């Protein structure tokens, strides 16, 4: 029997031990440099997007910046 697809709400609720801050290593240093990266929980990204006033814009880079600041990481 095929597995039922998860709803958006179920996916949003999956925190999987997130957020987590990890060291940037290996090939990733070529793209991102050195330091740490924060991997946010889906709910956190949703919360950030909901803070944006109607008619305003937030970019992925702005979201990354907010996540990094919140968790003391180099990048988000």
N, C-alpha and C. Protein backbone atom coordinates (compact mmCIF):
# COMPACT_ATOMS: atom_id res chain seq x y z
N UNK A 1 0.85 -1.18 0.00
CA UNK A 1 0.00 0.00 0.00
C UNK A 1 0.89 1.24 0.00
N UNK A 2 0.66 2.19 -0.91
CA UNK A 2 1.49 3.40 -0.96
C UNK A 2 1.30 4.26 0.28
N UNK A 3 2.36 4.92 0.63
CA UNK A 3 2.35 5.80 1.79
C UNK A 3 1.56 7.07 1.47
N UNK A 4 0.72 7.50 2.38
CA UNK A 4 -0.07 8.72 2.17
C UNK A 4 0.85 9.93 2.21
N UNK A 5 0.60 10.88 1.32
CA UNK A 5 1.40 12.10 1.30
C UNK A 5 1.08 12.93 2.52
N UNK A 6 2.11 13.59 3.05
CA UNK A 6 1.92 14.46 4.20
C UNK A 6 1.30 15.78 3.74
N UNK A 7 0.47 16.32 4.61
CA UNK A 7 -0.11 17.63 4.32
C UNK A 7 0.94 18.70 4.57
N UNK A 8 0.68 19.90 4.08
CA UNK A 8 1.60 21.02 4.31
C UNK A 8 1.75 21.27 5.81
N UNK A 9 0.66 21.19 6.56
CA UNK A 9 0.71 21.41 8.00
C UNK A 9 1.58 20.36 8.69
N UNK A 10 1.51 19.11 8.25
CA UNK A 10 2.35 18.04 8.82
C UNK A 10 3.82 18.31 8.52
N UNK A 11 4.11 18.72 7.30
CA UNK A 11 5.50 19.03 6.94
C UNK A 11 6.02 20.22 7.75
N UNK A 12 5.17 21.22 7.93
CA UNK A 12 5.55 22.42 8.67
C UNK A 12 5.86 22.09 10.13
N UNK A 13 5.15 21.11 10.69
CA UNK A 13 5.31 20.75 12.10
C UNK A 13 6.54 19.87 12.36
N UNK A 14 7.20 19.38 11.32
CA UNK A 14 8.38 18.51 11.48
C UNK A 14 9.60 19.34 11.82
N UNK A 15 9.98 19.36 13.08
CA UNK A 15 11.15 20.13 13.49
C UNK A 15 12.46 19.36 13.36
N UNK A 16 12.40 18.04 13.43
CA UNK A 16 13.61 17.19 13.27
C UNK A 16 14.84 17.75 13.96
N UNK A 17 14.75 18.04 15.24
CA UNK A 17 15.89 18.57 16.02
C UNK A 17 16.43 19.87 15.45
N UNK A 18 15.57 20.68 14.90
CA UNK A 18 15.98 21.97 14.35
C UNK A 18 15.43 23.08 15.22
N UNK A 19 16.01 24.22 15.23
CA UNK A 19 17.15 24.63 14.42
C UNK A 19 18.44 24.03 14.96
N UNK A 20 19.40 23.89 14.07
CA UNK A 20 20.72 23.44 14.50
C UNK A 20 21.78 24.28 13.82
N UNK A 21 22.83 24.53 14.56
CA UNK A 21 23.96 25.31 14.05
C UNK A 21 25.14 24.36 13.91
N UNK A 22 25.70 24.29 12.69
CA UNK A 22 26.82 23.39 12.43
C UNK A 22 27.96 24.14 11.74
N UNK A 23 29.14 23.61 11.90
CA UNK A 23 30.34 24.18 11.28
C UNK A 23 30.29 23.96 9.76
N UNK A 24 30.73 24.96 9.01
CA UNK A 24 30.81 24.84 7.55
C UNK A 24 32.12 24.10 7.25
N UNK A 25 32.01 22.96 6.57
CA UNK A 25 33.20 22.14 6.30
C UNK A 25 33.21 21.65 4.86
N UNK A 26 34.33 21.06 4.48
CA UNK A 26 34.45 20.41 3.17
C UNK A 26 34.24 21.35 2.00
N UNK A 27 33.57 20.83 0.98
CA UNK A 27 33.33 21.59 -0.25
C UNK A 27 32.45 22.82 -0.02
N UNK A 28 31.67 22.82 1.06
CA UNK A 28 30.79 23.96 1.33
C UNK A 28 31.58 25.23 1.61
N UNK A 29 32.82 25.10 2.06
CA UNK A 29 33.63 26.29 2.34
C UNK A 29 33.93 27.06 1.06
N UNK A 30 33.95 26.39 -0.08
CA UNK A 30 34.18 27.06 -1.35
C UNK A 30 33.05 28.05 -1.64
N UNK A 31 31.83 27.64 -1.38
CA UNK A 31 30.66 28.49 -1.64
C UNK A 31 30.38 29.46 -0.51
N UNK A 32 30.40 28.98 0.74
CA UNK A 32 29.94 29.75 1.88
C UNK A 32 31.05 30.32 2.76
N UNK A 33 32.28 29.92 2.54
CA UNK A 33 33.37 30.41 3.38
C UNK A 33 33.47 29.61 4.67
N UNK A 34 34.02 30.23 5.70
CA UNK A 34 34.18 29.54 6.98
C UNK A 34 33.20 30.08 8.00
N UNK A 35 33.02 29.34 9.05
CA UNK A 35 32.12 29.76 10.12
C UNK A 35 31.07 28.70 10.38
N UNK A 36 29.87 29.16 10.73
CA UNK A 36 28.78 28.25 11.04
C UNK A 36 27.55 28.58 10.21
N UNK A 37 26.72 27.56 10.03
CA UNK A 37 25.46 27.74 9.31
C UNK A 37 24.33 27.26 10.22
N UNK A 38 23.23 28.01 10.22
CA UNK A 38 22.05 27.61 10.98
C UNK A 38 21.04 27.02 10.01
N UNK A 39 20.57 25.82 10.35
CA UNK A 39 19.53 25.18 9.56
C UNK A 39 18.23 25.34 10.37
N UNK A 40 17.32 26.19 9.91
CA UNK A 40 16.13 26.49 10.71
C UNK A 40 15.03 25.44 10.58
N UNK A 41 14.13 25.43 11.56
CA UNK A 41 12.94 24.59 11.48
C UNK A 41 11.96 25.24 10.51
N UNK A 42 11.18 24.44 9.80
CA UNK A 42 10.21 25.01 8.87
C UNK A 42 9.28 26.04 9.52
N UNK A 43 8.87 25.79 10.77
CA UNK A 43 7.98 26.73 11.46
C UNK A 43 8.64 28.09 11.66
N UNK A 44 9.95 28.09 11.87
CA UNK A 44 10.65 29.36 12.07
C UNK A 44 10.64 30.19 10.78
N UNK A 45 10.88 29.55 9.66
CA UNK A 45 10.85 30.25 8.37
C UNK A 45 9.43 30.76 8.11
N UNK A 46 8.44 29.94 8.41
CA UNK A 46 7.05 30.36 8.23
C UNK A 46 6.75 31.58 9.10
N UNK A 47 7.22 31.57 10.34
CA UNK A 47 7.00 32.70 11.26
C UNK A 47 7.63 33.98 10.70
N UNK A 48 8.84 33.87 10.18
CA UNK A 48 9.52 35.04 9.61
C UNK A 48 8.73 35.59 8.43
N UNK A 49 8.28 34.70 7.55
CA UNK A 49 7.53 35.14 6.38
C UNK A 49 6.20 35.80 6.77
N UNK A 50 5.57 35.32 7.83
CA UNK A 50 4.29 35.89 8.27
C UNK A 50 4.46 37.27 8.90
N UNK A 51 5.68 37.62 9.33
CA UNK A 51 5.95 38.93 9.91
C UNK A 51 6.00 40.03 8.85
N UNK A 52 6.13 39.65 7.59
CA UNK A 52 6.25 40.62 6.50
C UNK A 52 4.87 41.23 6.24
N UNK A 53 4.78 42.57 6.31
CA UNK A 53 3.49 43.22 6.07
C UNK A 53 2.98 42.95 4.65
N UNK A 54 1.68 42.90 4.52
CA UNK A 54 1.06 42.68 3.21
C UNK A 54 1.54 43.76 2.24
N UNK A 55 1.91 43.33 1.03
CA UNK A 55 2.38 44.27 0.01
C UNK A 55 3.88 44.51 0.07
N UNK A 56 4.57 43.94 1.08
CA UNK A 56 6.02 44.11 1.21
C UNK A 56 6.71 42.84 0.72
N UNK A 57 8.01 42.91 0.55
CA UNK A 57 8.79 41.80 0.01
C UNK A 57 9.88 41.39 0.99
N UNK A 58 10.11 40.09 1.10
CA UNK A 58 11.27 39.58 1.83
C UNK A 58 11.95 38.56 0.91
N UNK A 59 13.25 38.65 0.81
CA UNK A 59 14.00 37.72 -0.05
C UNK A 59 14.56 36.59 0.78
N UNK A 60 14.98 35.53 0.12
CA UNK A 60 15.59 34.39 0.81
C UNK A 60 16.84 34.85 1.55
N UNK A 61 17.58 35.78 0.98
CA UNK A 61 18.79 36.27 1.66
C UNK A 61 18.44 37.04 2.93
N UNK A 62 17.33 37.76 2.92
CA UNK A 62 16.89 38.45 4.14
C UNK A 62 16.49 37.44 5.21
N UNK A 63 15.81 36.38 4.80
CA UNK A 63 15.42 35.33 5.74
C UNK A 63 16.67 34.67 6.32
N UNK A 64 17.65 34.37 5.46
CA UNK A 64 18.91 33.77 5.93
C UNK A 64 19.59 34.66 6.96
N UNK A 65 19.59 35.95 6.73
CA UNK A 65 20.21 36.90 7.64
C UNK A 65 19.53 36.88 9.02
N UNK A 66 18.20 36.89 9.01
CA UNK A 66 17.44 36.86 10.26
C UNK A 66 17.73 35.58 11.03
N UNK A 67 17.70 34.44 10.33
CA UNK A 67 17.95 33.15 10.97
C UNK A 67 19.35 33.12 11.57
N UNK A 68 20.34 33.58 10.83
CA UNK A 68 21.72 33.58 11.32
C UNK A 68 21.85 34.44 12.58
N UNK A 69 21.27 35.63 12.57
CA UNK A 69 21.34 36.52 13.74
C UNK A 69 20.68 35.90 14.95
N UNK A 70 19.51 35.29 14.76
CA UNK A 70 18.77 34.68 15.87
C UNK A 70 19.57 33.60 16.58
N UNK A 71 20.38 32.88 15.81
CA UNK A 71 21.08 31.72 16.35
C UNK A 71 22.59 31.89 16.47
N UNK A 72 23.06 33.10 16.23
CA UNK A 72 24.49 33.37 16.38
C UNK A 72 25.36 32.62 15.38
N UNK A 73 24.83 32.41 14.18
CA UNK A 73 25.59 31.70 13.14
C UNK A 73 26.13 32.71 12.13
N UNK A 74 27.10 32.27 11.35
CA UNK A 74 27.67 33.10 10.30
C UNK A 74 26.65 33.33 9.18
N UNK A 75 25.98 32.24 8.78
CA UNK A 75 24.95 32.30 7.73
C UNK A 75 23.76 31.44 8.13
N UNK A 76 22.66 31.67 7.45
CA UNK A 76 21.46 30.85 7.68
C UNK A 76 21.07 30.15 6.43
